[in-house]
Each structure stands twice: as C-alpha cells, then as structure tokens.
Protein backbone atom coordinates (compact mmCIF):
# COMPACT_ATOMS: atom_id res chain seq x y z
CA UNK A 1 -6.44 -34.86 4.50
CA UNK A 2 -8.38 -32.83 1.97
CA UNK A 3 -10.05 -36.08 0.72
CA UNK A 4 -11.51 -36.50 4.22
CA UNK A 5 -12.68 -32.90 4.16
CA UNK A 6 -14.39 -33.50 0.78
CA UNK A 7 -16.21 -36.53 2.15
CA UNK A 8 -17.34 -34.46 5.17
CA UNK A 9 -18.69 -31.68 2.88
CA UNK A 10 -20.50 -34.21 0.70
CA UNK A 11 -22.14 -35.70 3.82
CA UNK A 12 -23.13 -32.27 5.00
CA UNK A 13 -24.91 -31.61 1.71
CA UNK A 14 -26.73 -34.95 1.94
CA UNK A 15 -27.65 -34.15 5.62
CA UNK A 16 -28.92 -30.77 4.56
CA UNK A 17 -31.12 -32.33 1.84
CA UNK A 18 -32.35 -35.02 4.32
CA UNK A 19 -33.36 -32.30 6.82
CA UNK A 20 -35.50 -30.63 4.24
CA UNK A 21 -37.67 -33.78 4.00
CA UNK A 22 -38.89 -33.51 7.55
CA UNK A 23 -41.51 -31.06 6.41
CA UNK A 24 -44.79 -32.75 5.57
CA UNK A 25 -45.02 -30.91 2.25
CA UNK A 26 -42.46 -30.23 -0.39
CA UNK A 27 -42.48 -26.54 0.49
CA UNK A 28 -39.72 -27.26 3.01
CA UNK A 29 -37.59 -28.82 0.26
CA UNK A 30 -38.10 -25.76 -1.92
CA UNK A 31 -37.31 -23.54 1.03
CA UNK A 32 -34.05 -25.36 1.88
CA UNK A 33 -32.95 -25.49 -1.77
CA UNK A 34 -33.75 -21.83 -2.27
CA UNK A 35 -31.84 -20.77 0.80
CA UNK A 36 -28.79 -22.76 -0.33
CA UNK A 37 -28.93 -21.11 -3.77
CA UNK A 38 -29.40 -17.59 -2.32
CA UNK A 39 -26.51 -18.13 0.07
CA UNK A 40 -24.25 -19.34 -2.77
CA UNK A 41 -24.97 -16.21 -4.77
CA UNK A 42 -24.60 -13.84 -1.88
CA UNK A 43 -21.16 -15.01 -0.82
CA UNK A 44 -19.58 -14.96 -4.32
CA UNK A 45 -17.91 -11.50 -3.64
CA UNK A 46 -16.10 -13.10 -0.72
CA UNK A 47 -15.28 -16.36 -2.52
CA UNK A 48 -13.63 -14.64 -5.50
CA UNK A 49 -11.11 -12.91 -3.15
CA UNK A 50 -9.85 -16.22 -1.75
CA UNK A 51 -6.86 -18.18 -2.95
CA UNK A 52 -7.48 -21.52 -4.58
CA UNK A 53 -5.36 -23.32 -2.03
CA UNK A 54 -7.15 -21.81 1.01
CA UNK A 55 -8.26 -25.22 2.26
CA UNK A 56 -4.77 -26.69 1.78
CA UNK A 57 -3.43 -23.85 3.91
CA UNK A 58 -6.20 -24.41 6.47
CA UNK A 59 -5.40 -28.09 6.76
CA UNK A 60 -1.66 -27.48 7.05
CA UNK A 61 -1.99 -25.71 10.44
CA UNK A 62 -2.66 -27.98 13.39
CA UNK A 63 -4.48 -25.30 15.42
CA UNK A 64 -6.97 -24.61 12.62
CA UNK A 65 -7.47 -28.30 11.94
CA UNK A 66 -8.21 -28.89 15.60
CA UNK A 67 -10.79 -26.13 15.54
CA UNK A 68 -12.30 -27.62 12.40
CA UNK A 69 -12.45 -31.06 13.95
CA UNK A 70 -14.08 -29.58 17.09
CA UNK A 71 -16.68 -27.81 14.91
CA UNK A 72 -17.54 -31.01 13.03
CA UNK A 73 -17.69 -32.98 16.33
CA UNK A 74 -20.06 -30.42 17.93
CA UNK A 75 -22.40 -30.44 14.90
CA UNK A 76 -22.32 -34.25 14.69
CA UNK A 77 -23.09 -34.73 18.37
CA UNK A 78 -25.83 -32.11 18.31
CA UNK A 79 -27.26 -33.80 15.16
CA UNK A 80 -27.27 -37.16 16.87
CA UNK A 81 -29.06 -35.79 19.92
CA UNK A 82 -31.58 -33.92 17.71
CA UNK A 83 -32.29 -37.11 15.75
CA UNK A 84 -32.90 -39.00 18.98
CA UNK A 85 -35.17 -36.22 20.28
CA UNK A 86 -37.09 -36.17 16.97
CA UNK A 87 -37.58 -39.96 17.07
CA UNK A 88 -38.80 -39.77 20.66
CA UNK A 89 -41.22 -36.99 19.70
CA UNK A 90 -42.41 -39.07 16.76
CA UNK A 91 -43.39 -42.06 18.85
CA UNK A 92 -44.43 -40.15 22.00
CA UNK A 93 -46.02 -36.95 20.63
CA UNK A 94 -45.42 -34.00 22.92
CA UNK A 95 -45.64 -30.28 22.44
CA UNK A 96 -41.95 -29.43 22.20
CA UNK A 97 -41.29 -26.05 20.69
CA UNK A 98 -37.57 -26.71 20.47
CA UNK A 99 -38.18 -29.63 18.09
CA UNK A 100 -39.98 -27.35 15.66
CA UNK A 101 -37.21 -24.74 16.01
CA UNK A 102 -34.42 -27.29 15.30
CA UNK A 103 -36.16 -28.32 12.12
CA UNK A 104 -35.33 -24.85 10.79
CA UNK A 105 -31.58 -24.95 11.63
CA UNK A 106 -29.63 -26.09 8.58
CA UNK A 107 -26.32 -26.43 10.46
CA UNK A 108 -22.91 -24.87 9.95
CA UNK A 109 -21.10 -27.38 7.72
CA UNK A 110 -23.40 -26.74 4.78
CA UNK A 111 -22.10 -23.20 4.67
CA UNK A 112 -18.55 -24.52 4.37
CA UNK A 113 -19.63 -27.03 1.71
CA UNK A 114 -21.25 -24.28 -0.42
CA UNK A 115 -18.19 -22.08 0.00
CA UNK A 116 -15.87 -25.00 -1.03
CA UNK A 117 -18.01 -25.93 -4.08
CA UNK A 118 -18.27 -22.37 -5.33
CA UNK A 119 -14.54 -21.75 -4.90
CA UNK A 120 -13.68 -24.83 -6.95
CA UNK A 121 -16.12 -23.81 -9.68
CA UNK A 122 -14.60 -20.31 -9.90
CA UNK A 123 -11.19 -21.79 -10.44
CA UNK A 124 -12.46 -24.43 -12.94
CA UNK A 125 -14.03 -21.61 -15.13
CA UNK A 126 -11.72 -18.61 -14.72
CA UNK A 127 -12.80 -16.84 -17.93
CA UNK A 128 -16.48 -16.49 -17.11
CA UNK A 129 -18.15 -13.48 -15.55
CA UNK A 130 -18.16 -13.81 -11.72
CA UNK A 131 -21.84 -13.00 -11.28
CA UNK A 132 -22.87 -15.31 -14.10
CA UNK A 133 -20.70 -18.15 -12.61
CA UNK A 134 -22.30 -17.45 -9.18
CA UNK A 135 -25.71 -17.54 -10.68
CA UNK A 136 -25.17 -20.83 -12.50
CA UNK A 137 -23.63 -22.37 -9.40
CA UNK A 138 -26.68 -21.25 -7.34
CA UNK A 139 -29.08 -22.79 -9.81
CA UNK A 140 -27.10 -26.08 -10.06
CA UNK A 141 -26.97 -26.22 -6.23
CA UNK A 142 -30.70 -25.68 -5.97
CA UNK A 143 -31.28 -28.53 -8.45
CA UNK A 144 -28.90 -30.82 -6.54
CA UNK A 145 -30.67 -30.20 -3.26
CA UNK A 146 -34.10 -30.70 -4.79
CA UNK A 147 -33.07 -34.00 -6.47
CA UNK A 148 -31.42 -35.34 -3.31
CA UNK A 149 -34.35 -34.37 -1.14
CA UNK A 150 -36.92 -35.93 -3.49
CA UNK A 151 -34.89 -39.15 -3.73
CA UNK A 152 -34.49 -39.35 0.06
CA UNK A 153 -38.17 -38.70 0.63
CA UNK A 154 -39.14 -41.27 -2.04
CA UNK A 155 -36.88 -44.12 -1.03
CA UNK A 156 -37.11 -43.44 2.73
CA UNK A 157 -40.80 -42.74 2.82
CA UNK A 158 -41.14 -43.39 6.57
CA UNK A 159 -40.13 -40.40 8.67
CA UNK A 160 -38.58 -42.58 11.33
CA UNK A 161 -36.22 -44.13 8.75
CA UNK A 162 -35.16 -40.65 7.62
CA UNK A 163 -34.32 -39.75 11.25
CA UNK A 164 -32.20 -42.92 11.44
CA UNK A 165 -30.56 -42.02 8.22
CA UNK A 166 -29.68 -38.56 9.53
CA UNK A 167 -28.43 -40.20 12.71
CA UNK A 168 -26.12 -42.44 10.61
CA UNK A 169 -24.74 -39.42 8.69
CA UNK A 170 -23.92 -37.63 11.91
CA UNK A 171 -22.26 -40.72 13.32
CA UNK A 172 -20.03 -40.96 10.25
CA UNK A 173 -19.19 -37.24 10.61
CA UNK A 174 -18.23 -37.83 14.20
CA UNK A 175 -15.92 -40.73 13.22
CA UNK A 176 -14.26 -38.61 10.56
CA UNK A 177 -13.74 -35.68 12.99
CA UNK A 178 -12.17 -38.13 15.44
CA UNK A 179 -9.83 -39.39 12.70
CA UNK A 180 -8.75 -35.87 11.86
CA UNK A 181 -8.23 -34.88 15.51
CA UNK A 182 -6.44 -38.09 16.42
CA UNK A 183 -3.78 -37.40 13.82
CA UNK A 184 -3.01 -34.17 15.62
CA UNK A 185 -2.48 -35.67 19.04
CA UNK A 186 0.70 -34.55 20.92
CA UNK A 187 2.31 -38.00 20.63
CA UNK A 188 1.87 -37.90 16.89
CA UNK A 189 2.69 -34.38 15.88
CA UNK A 190 6.40 -35.00 15.27
CA UNK A 191 5.68 -37.40 12.40
CA UNK A 192 2.09 -36.63 11.47
CA UNK A 193 1.16 -37.47 7.96
CA UNK A 194 -2.38 -38.49 7.18
CA UNK A 195 -2.60 -40.32 3.91
CA UNK A 196 -6.19 -41.29 3.21
CA UNK A 197 -7.35 -42.59 -0.08
CA UNK A 198 -10.55 -40.96 -1.34
CA UNK A 199 -11.46 -44.19 -3.13
CA UNK A 200 -11.24 -46.16 0.10
CA UNK A 201 -13.40 -43.59 1.90
CA UNK A 202 -15.97 -43.74 -0.85
CA UNK A 203 -15.92 -47.60 -0.78
CA UNK A 204 -16.55 -47.39 3.00
CA UNK A 205 -19.48 -45.05 2.47
CA UNK A 206 -20.93 -47.29 -0.24
CA UNK A 207 -20.76 -50.36 2.11
CA UNK A 208 -22.60 -48.35 4.77
CA UNK A 209 -25.24 -47.28 2.27
CA UNK A 210 -25.54 -50.85 0.96
CA UNK A 211 -26.19 -52.33 4.34
CA UNK A 212 -28.60 -49.48 5.19
CA UNK A 213 -30.47 -50.13 1.94
CA UNK A 214 -30.56 -53.85 2.67
CA UNK A 215 -32.21 -53.19 6.03
CA UNK A 216 -34.66 -50.81 4.40
CA UNK A 217 -35.80 -53.25 1.74
CA UNK A 218 -36.01 -56.10 4.26
CA UNK A 219 -38.28 -53.90 6.29
CA UNK A 220 -40.45 -53.17 3.25
CA UNK A 221 -40.90 -56.86 2.38
CA UNK A 222 -44.42 -57.98 3.35
CA UNK A 223 -43.77 -61.69 3.75
CA UNK A 224 -40.92 -61.43 6.24
CA UNK A 225 -41.19 -64.99 7.53
CA UNK A 226 -39.45 -66.24 4.39
CA UNK A 227 -36.44 -64.10 5.30
CA UNK A 228 -36.28 -64.87 8.94
CA UNK A 229 -33.14 -67.05 8.57
CA UNK A 230 -31.39 -64.33 6.49
CA UNK A 231 -32.30 -61.50 8.90
CA UNK A 232 -30.92 -63.44 11.85
CA UNK A 233 -27.49 -63.53 10.25
CA UNK A 234 -27.77 -59.87 9.18
C-alpha cells in the first residue's frame, strides 16, 4: 500500500507546482517554492524524532488508513470543485473573493509529501549534520518546485488547460483514495491484502499523461481539418 501512498504524494507535489502557475507572473512560483523550502527546513526537528517505518505503521492500522483516505478524498473533491469554479470564473469573469483566496491555499497533502521526502532523505544520509541535511533538502525541494512549475507553465501555456490538468490530478487522487478505502471495507477486512505494483501505477499515470499530451498537441495544431478523422476516433 505504500506504493500507492508514494504515487499520491508525487501527485500532490505536481499539483502544488501547478497551483503556483495560476499567478500571472513568476512571483507566485517563487512564493510557492520558497514556502515549501521554508516548511521543509522548519519541520526537521520533528522529522528527526520519527521512526523510519512511521508510514508502514500508519498504513498497518485500518482506522488511520481510513482517516488518511478520507483526508485525500476531501482534498481531491475540494480541488475538483475549485478547478470547476476557476474555469467558470475564467470564462464568465465575476468578482469572486473566494477564488482569489483559494489560489493561496496550497492544500494539506503537500505537507505530508514534504514530511515523507525529508524523512527518507534523513535515513538515506544518516552521517550528515541534521541542519545541513535539512538545508540541502529545502534547496533541492525549491529547485524541484521551480522546475515543475516552469515546465507546466511552458507546455500548458493556456490557463484553462492548467485548470483541466489540476482537475485531472484531483480526479486521480480521488480514485486512489477510493482504492485505499475500498480495501478496508467490512466485508474485506478478514483477508485484506492490497498488493499494488508501483510499476503498474506509474504505467497507468504515463498512459493518462500521454493521452493528455496528445489532446494538448492536437489543440495546438493550426490546420486541424487534416486531423478531423483522427480526432473523431480519439
């Protein structure tokens, strides 16, 4: 089940980077990346006190897994609704203060993702100074967020497409949360054993990204009449 959790955390980082691109300038990207780096450095005193198998223990208790699935579900559904609201506001401009406020909310899952990444790094490099390791982790995280945000903003130049991309990420998060929670249903607790291959999950994500990219490039092609037959089958 930890492989599913890892995919969820990866998606949360991508969603966090995507959300930074909704600012018109790159100041929002710098802000989001900086906040992620500062958060990673500030929590290192808490992270170093945790056991390396904390997530294994977490995923071994059905009650905690249920709470985790509920948290992921709530964030995914709220993210879907926010994406729909932002798309509506984009095509029908209205003065909605809550839209501007929601642009500033990074979500909860990104905090868990940063915690998980930093915990793994501490156990990979046990001999290094804790503050130095936390500082390096913060700088690397800032760089990752910056690179992801710039790539998303470059390849998905239209704001509406980025909203749709964020919608897709939240939809996948919702599906993964349902998979986790379904395995803990009462009828399945007696023999529950979730064996999910990380490779299969990654292949699934690559297929989704491939079809999304295909739609994006077809949309960018100027002479679309030549691809009318192909688009009909897609």
